[in-house]
Amino acid sequence: DAGALKFEGVRAGLGNGSEAKISGGVTFD
């Protein structure tokens, strides 16, 4: 959106009950 790449609700299981969540994005100038 508007030239930016955004991460929304991204999650991943890392084994043995571990979980990672990331939100944010990459902009370009």
All heavy atoms as atom14 arrays in JSON, in Angstrom:
{
  "sequence": "DAGALKFEGVRAGLGNGSEAKISGGVTFD",
  "atom14_mask": [
    [1, 1, 1, 1, 1, 1, 1, 1, 0, 0, 0, 0, 0, 0],
    [1, 1, 1, 1, 1, 0, 0, 0, 0, 0, 0, 0, 0, 0],
    [1, 1, 1, 1, 0, 0, 0, 0, 0, 0, 0, 0, 0, 0],
    [1, 1, 1, 1, 1, 0, 0, 0, 0, 0, 0, 0, 0, 0],
    [1, 1, 1, 1, 1, 1, 1, 1, 0, 0, 0, 0, 0, 0],
    [1, 1, 1, 1, 1, 1, 1, 1, 1, 0, 0, 0, 0, 0],
    [1, 1, 1, 1, 1, 1, 1, 1, 1, 1, 1, 0, 0, 0],
    [1, 1, 1, 1, 1, 1, 1, 1, 1, 0, 0, 0, 0, 0],
    [1, 1, 1, 1, 0, 0, 0, 0, 0, 0, 0, 0, 0, 0],
    [1, 1, 1, 1, 1, 1, 1, 0, 0, 0, 0, 0, 0, 0],
    [1, 1, 1, 1, 1, 1, 1, 1, 1, 1, 1, 0, 0, 0],
    [1, 1, 1, 1, 1, 0, 0, 0, 0, 0, 0, 0, 0, 0],
    [1, 1, 1, 1, 0, 0, 0, 0, 0, 0, 0, 0, 0, 0],
    [1, 1, 1, 1, 1, 1, 1, 1, 0, 0, 0, 0, 0, 0],
    [1, 1, 1, 1, 0, 0, 0, 0, 0, 0, 0, 0, 0, 0],
    [1, 1, 1, 1, 1, 1, 1, 1, 0, 0, 0, 0, 0, 0],
    [1, 1, 1, 1, 0, 0, 0, 0, 0, 0, 0, 0, 0, 0],
    [1, 1, 1, 1, 1, 1, 0, 0, 0, 0, 0, 0, 0, 0],
    [1, 1, 1, 1, 1, 1, 1, 1, 1, 0, 0, 0, 0, 0],
    [1, 1, 1, 1, 1, 0, 0, 0, 0, 0, 0, 0, 0, 0],
    [1, 1, 1, 1, 1, 1, 1, 1, 1, 0, 0, 0, 0, 0],
    [1, 1, 1, 1, 1, 1, 1, 1, 0, 0, 0, 0, 0, 0],
    [1, 1, 1, 1, 1, 1, 0, 0, 0, 0, 0, 0, 0, 0],
    [1, 1, 1, 1, 0, 0, 0, 0, 0, 0, 0, 0, 0, 0],
    [1, 1, 1, 1, 0, 0, 0, 0, 0, 0, 0, 0, 0, 0],
    [1, 1, 1, 1, 1, 1, 1, 0, 0, 0, 0, 0, 0, 0],
    [1, 1, 1, 1, 1, 1, 1, 0, 0, 0, 0, 0, 0, 0],
    [1, 1, 1, 1, 1, 1, 1, 1, 1, 1, 1, 0, 0, 0],
    [1, 1, 1, 1, 1, 1, 1, 1, 0, 0, 0, 0, 0, 0]
  ],
  "atom14_positions": [
    [[0.85, -1.19, 0.0], [0.0, 0.0, 0.0], [0.88, 1.23, 0.0], [1.79, 1.36, 0.83], [-0.9, -0.01, 1.24], [-1.85, 1.18, 1.28], [-2.28, 1.63, 0.2], [-2.13, 1.68, 2.39], [0.0, 0.0, 0.0], [0.0, 0.0, 0.0], [0.0, 0.0, 0.0], [0.0, 0.0, 0.0], [0.0, 0.0, 0.0], [0.0, 0.0, 0.0]],
    [[0.62, 2.14, -0.94], [1.35, 3.42, -1.02], [2.86, 3.19, -1.07], [3.63, 3.94, -0.47], [0.99, 4.31, 0.15], [0.0, 0.0, 0.0], [0.0, 0.0, 0.0], [0.0, 0.0, 0.0], [0.0, 0.0, 0.0], [0.0, 0.0, 0.0], [0.0, 0.0, 0.0], [0.0, 0.0, 0.0], [0.0, 0.0, 0.0], [0.0, 0.0, 0.0]],
    [[3.29, 2.17, -1.77], [4.72, 1.92, -1.95], [5.38, 1.19, -0.81], [6.59, 0.93, -0.86], [0.0, 0.0, 0.0], [0.0, 0.0, 0.0], [0.0, 0.0, 0.0], [0.0, 0.0, 0.0], [0.0, 0.0, 0.0], [0.0, 0.0, 0.0], [0.0, 0.0, 0.0], [0.0, 0.0, 0.0], [0.0, 0.0, 0.0], [0.0, 0.0, 0.0]],
    [[4.64, 0.84, 0.25], [5.21, 0.14, 1.41], [4.73, -1.3, 1.44], [3.59, -1.6, 1.06], [4.83, 0.86, 2.7], [0.0, 0.0, 0.0], [0.0, 0.0, 0.0], [0.0, 0.0, 0.0], [0.0, 0.0, 0.0], [0.0, 0.0, 0.0], [0.0, 0.0, 0.0], [0.0, 0.0, 0.0], [0.0, 0.0, 0.0], [0.0, 0.0, 0.0]],
    [[5.59, -2.19, 1.92], [5.25, -3.59, 2.12], [5.04, -3.82, 3.61], [5.95, -3.62, 4.41], [6.38, -4.49, 1.61], [6.22, -6.0, 1.83], [5.02, -6.52, 1.04], [7.49, -6.74, 1.43], [0.0, 0.0, 0.0], [0.0, 0.0, 0.0], [0.0, 0.0, 0.0], [0.0, 0.0, 0.0], [0.0, 0.0, 0.0], [0.0, 0.0, 0.0]],
    [[3.82, -4.22, 4.0], [3.48, -4.36, 5.41], [3.22, -5.82, 5.75], [2.64, -6.56, 4.96], [2.24, -3.52, 5.74], [2.4, -2.03, 5.41], [1.09, -1.29, 5.64], [1.23, 0.18, 5.24], [-0.06, 0.92, 5.42], [0.0, 0.0, 0.0], [0.0, 0.0, 0.0], [0.0, 0.0, 0.0], [0.0, 0.0, 0.0], [0.0, 0.0, 0.0]],
    [[3.64, -6.21, 6.99], [3.35, -7.55, 7.51], [2.21, -7.41, 8.5], [2.32, -6.67, 9.48], [4.56, -8.15, 8.23], [5.89, -7.83, 7.58], [6.91, -7.26, 8.32], [6.11, -8.09, 6.25], [8.13, -6.96, 7.75], [7.32, -7.81, 5.66], [8.35, -7.23, 6.41], [0.0, 0.0, 0.0], [0.0, 0.0, 0.0], [0.0, 0.0, 0.0]],
    [[1.14, -8.14, 8.28], [-0.02, -8.04, 9.15], [-0.41, -9.43, 9.65], [-0.7, -10.32, 8.85], [-1.19, -7.39, 8.41], [-0.89, -5.97, 7.93], [-2.03, -5.35, 7.14], [-2.93, -6.11, 6.72], [-2.03, -4.13, 6.95], [0.0, 0.0, 0.0], [0.0, 0.0, 0.0], [0.0, 0.0, 0.0], [0.0, 0.0, 0.0], [0.0, 0.0, 0.0]],
    [[-0.38, -9.61, 10.96], [-0.79, -10.87, 11.56], [0.05, -12.05, 11.16], [-0.44, -13.19, 11.12], [0.0, 0.0, 0.0], [0.0, 0.0, 0.0], [0.0, 0.0, 0.0], [0.0, 0.0, 0.0], [0.0, 0.0, 0.0], [0.0, 0.0, 0.0], [0.0, 0.0, 0.0], [0.0, 0.0, 0.0], [0.0, 0.0, 0.0], [0.0, 0.0, 0.0]],
    [[1.33, -11.83, 10.88], [2.2, -12.93, 10.47], [2.66, -13.7, 11.71], [3.18, -13.11, 12.67], [3.42, -12.4, 9.69], [4.36, -13.55, 9.33], [2.96, -11.68, 8.43], [0.0, 0.0, 0.0], [0.0, 0.0, 0.0], [0.0, 0.0, 0.0], [0.0, 0.0, 0.0], [0.0, 0.0, 0.0], [0.0, 0.0, 0.0], [0.0, 0.0, 0.0]],
    [[2.48, -14.99, 11.71], [2.85, -15.84, 12.84], [3.44, -17.14, 12.32], [3.22, -17.55, 11.17], [1.64, -16.16, 13.72], [0.55, -16.94, 12.99], [-0.41, -17.64, 13.93], [0.27, -18.57, 14.81], [0.65, -19.79, 14.45], [0.41, -20.23, 13.21], [1.26, -20.58, 15.3], [0.0, 0.0, 0.0], [0.0, 0.0, 0.0], [0.0, 0.0, 0.0]],
    [[4.23, -17.81, 13.19], [4.81, -19.1, 12.84], [5.05, -19.9, 14.1], [5.46, -19.34, 15.14], [6.13, -18.9, 12.09], [0.0, 0.0, 0.0], [0.0, 0.0, 0.0], [0.0, 0.0, 0.0], [0.0, 0.0, 0.0], [0.0, 0.0, 0.0], [0.0, 0.0, 0.0], [0.0, 0.0, 0.0], [0.0, 0.0, 0.0], [0.0, 0.0, 0.0]],
    [[4.82, -21.19, 14.03], [5.16, -22.08, 15.12], [6.62, -22.48, 15.03], [7.13, -22.75, 13.95], [0.0, 0.0, 0.0], [0.0, 0.0, 0.0], [0.0, 0.0, 0.0], [0.0, 0.0, 0.0], [0.0, 0.0, 0.0], [0.0, 0.0, 0.0], [0.0, 0.0, 0.0], [0.0, 0.0, 0.0], [0.0, 0.0, 0.0], [0.0, 0.0, 0.0]],
    [[7.32, -22.5, 16.19], [8.74, -22.8, 16.23], [9.04, -24.11, 16.94], [10.18, -24.4, 17.29], [9.51, -21.65, 16.89], [9.32, -20.27, 16.25], [10.11, -19.22, 17.01], [9.73, -20.29, 14.78], [0.0, 0.0, 0.0], [0.0, 0.0, 0.0], [0.0, 0.0, 0.0], [0.0, 0.0, 0.0], [0.0, 0.0, 0.0], [0.0, 0.0, 0.0]],
    [[8.01, -24.91, 17.2], [8.21, -26.21, 17.83], [8.11, -26.17, 19.33], [8.42, -25.16, 19.97], [0.0, 0.0, 0.0], [0.0, 0.0, 0.0], [0.0, 0.0, 0.0], [0.0, 0.0, 0.0], [0.0, 0.0, 0.0], [0.0, 0.0, 0.0], [0.0, 0.0, 0.0], [0.0, 0.0, 0.0], [0.0, 0.0, 0.0], [0.0, 0.0, 0.0]],
    [[7.63, -27.27, 19.92], [7.53, -27.41, 21.38], [6.73, -26.27, 22.01], [7.08, -25.75, 23.06], [8.93, -27.47, 22.01], [9.71, -28.7, 21.56], [9.15, -29.79, 21.44], [11.0, -28.51, 21.3], [0.0, 0.0, 0.0], [0.0, 0.0, 0.0], [0.0, 0.0, 0.0], [0.0, 0.0, 0.0], [0.0, 0.0, 0.0], [0.0, 0.0, 0.0]],
    [[5.66, -25.88, 21.34], [4.79, -24.86, 21.9], [5.26, -23.44, 21.71], [4.6, -22.49, 22.15], [0.0, 0.0, 0.0], [0.0, 0.0, 0.0], [0.0, 0.0, 0.0], [0.0, 0.0, 0.0], [0.0, 0.0, 0.0], [0.0, 0.0, 0.0], [0.0, 0.0, 0.0], [0.0, 0.0, 0.0], [0.0, 0.0, 0.0], [0.0, 0.0, 0.0]],
    [[6.39, -23.23, 21.04], [6.91, -21.88, 20.83], [6.24, -21.25, 19.61], [5.91, -21.93, 18.64], [8.42, -21.91, 20.62], [8.94, -20.63, 20.37], [0.0, 0.0, 0.0], [0.0, 0.0, 0.0], [0.0, 0.0, 0.0], [0.0, 0.0, 0.0], [0.0, 0.0, 0.0], [0.0, 0.0, 0.0], [0.0, 0.0, 0.0], [0.0, 0.0, 0.0]],
    [[6.05, -19.94, 19.66], [5.4, -19.23, 18.56], [6.03, -17.85, 18.39], [6.44, -17.22, 19.37], [3.9, -19.07, 18.85], [3.13, -18.41, 17.71], [1.65, -18.29, 18.02], [1.31, -17.56, 18.97], [0.85, -18.91, 17.3], [0.0, 0.0, 0.0], [0.0, 0.0, 0.0], [0.0, 0.0, 0.0], [0.0, 0.0, 0.0], [0.0, 0.0, 0.0]],
    [[6.12, -17.4, 17.13], [6.63, -16.07, 16.82], [5.56, -15.29, 16.07], [4.85, -15.83, 15.23], [7.89, -16.17, 15.97], [0.0, 0.0, 0.0], [0.0, 0.0, 0.0], [0.0, 0.0, 0.0], [0.0, 0.0, 0.0], [0.0, 0.0, 0.0], [0.0, 0.0, 0.0], [0.0, 0.0, 0.0], [0.0, 0.0, 0.0], [0.0, 0.0, 0.0]],
    [[5.45, -14.0, 16.42], [4.54, -13.09, 15.73], [5.31, -11.84, 15.33], [6.13, -11.34, 16.09], [3.37, -12.71, 16.63], [2.46, -13.87, 17.02], [1.32, -13.41, 17.91], [0.4, -14.57, 18.29], [-0.71, -14.12, 19.17], [0.0, 0.0, 0.0], [0.0, 0.0, 0.0], [0.0, 0.0, 0.0], [0.0, 0.0, 0.0], [0.0, 0.0, 0.0]],
    [[5.03, -11.36, 14.11], [5.71, -10.16, 13.63], [4.72, -9.25, 12.93], [3.82, -9.72, 12.22], [6.89, -10.53, 12.68], [7.69, -9.28, 12.32], [6.4, -11.24, 11.44], [8.99, -9.58, 11.6], [0.0, 0.0, 0.0], [0.0, 0.0, 0.0], [0.0, 0.0, 0.0], [0.0, 0.0, 0.0], [0.0, 0.0, 0.0], [0.0, 0.0, 0.0]],
    [[4.89, -7.96, 13.15], [4.09, -6.94, 12.46], [5.0, -5.77, 12.15], [5.98, -5.52, 12.86], [2.91, -6.49, 13.33], [3.38, -5.91, 14.54], [0.0, 0.0, 0.0], [0.0, 0.0, 0.0], [0.0, 0.0, 0.0], [0.0, 0.0, 0.0], [0.0, 0.0, 0.0], [0.0, 0.0, 0.0], [0.0, 0.0, 0.0], [0.0, 0.0, 0.0]],
    [[4.7, -5.07, 11.08], [5.55, -3.94, 10.68], [5.59, -3.84, 9.18], [4.62, -4.18, 8.49], [0.0, 0.0, 0.0], [0.0, 0.0, 0.0], [0.0, 0.0, 0.0], [0.0, 0.0, 0.0], [0.0, 0.0, 0.0], [0.0, 0.0, 0.0], [0.0, 0.0, 0.0], [0.0, 0.0, 0.0], [0.0, 0.0, 0.0], [0.0, 0.0, 0.0]],
    [[6.73, -3.41, 8.66], [6.82, -3.3, 7.22], [8.14, -2.75, 6.72], [9.03, -2.39, 7.5], [0.0, 0.0, 0.0], [0.0, 0.0, 0.0], [0.0, 0.0, 0.0], [0.0, 0.0, 0.0], [0.0, 0.0, 0.0], [0.0, 0.0, 0.0], [0.0, 0.0, 0.0], [0.0, 0.0, 0.0], [0.0, 0.0, 0.0], [0.0, 0.0, 0.0]],
    [[8.24, -2.69, 5.39], [9.42, -2.17, 4.71], [8.98, -1.02, 3.81], [8.03, -1.15, 3.03], [10.11, -3.27, 3.85], [11.29, -2.69, 3.09], [10.55, -4.43, 4.74], [0.0, 0.0, 0.0], [0.0, 0.0, 0.0], [0.0, 0.0, 0.0], [0.0, 0.0, 0.0], [0.0, 0.0, 0.0], [0.0, 0.0, 0.0], [0.0, 0.0, 0.0]],
    [[9.64, 0.12, 3.95], [9.37, 1.27, 3.09], [10.55, 1.5, 2.15], [11.64, 0.97, 2.37], [9.13, 2.53, 3.93], [10.27, 2.77, 4.78], [7.89, 2.36, 4.8], [0.0, 0.0, 0.0], [0.0, 0.0, 0.0], [0.0, 0.0, 0.0], [0.0, 0.0, 0.0], [0.0, 0.0, 0.0], [0.0, 0.0, 0.0], [0.0, 0.0, 0.0]],
    [[10.32, 2.3, 1.14], [11.36, 2.57, 0.14], [11.42, 4.07, -0.12], [10.43, 4.7, -0.46], [11.06, 1.83, -1.17], [12.16, 1.94, -2.2], [13.19, 1.02, -2.22], [12.15, 2.96, -3.14], [14.2, 1.11, -3.16], [13.15, 3.06, -4.08], [14.19, 2.13, -4.09], [0.0, 0.0, 0.0], [0.0, 0.0, 0.0], [0.0, 0.0, 0.0]],
    [[12.62, 4.65, 0.06], [12.87, 6.07, -0.19], [13.87, 6.19, -1.32], [15.07, 5.9, -1.14], [13.4, 6.74, 1.08], [13.64, 8.25, 0.88], [13.43, 8.75, -0.24], [14.03, 8.91, 1.86], [0.0, 0.0, 0.0], [0.0, 0.0, 0.0], [0.0, 0.0, 0.0], [0.0, 0.0, 0.0], [0.0, 0.0, 0.0], [0.0, 0.0, 0.0]]
  ]
}
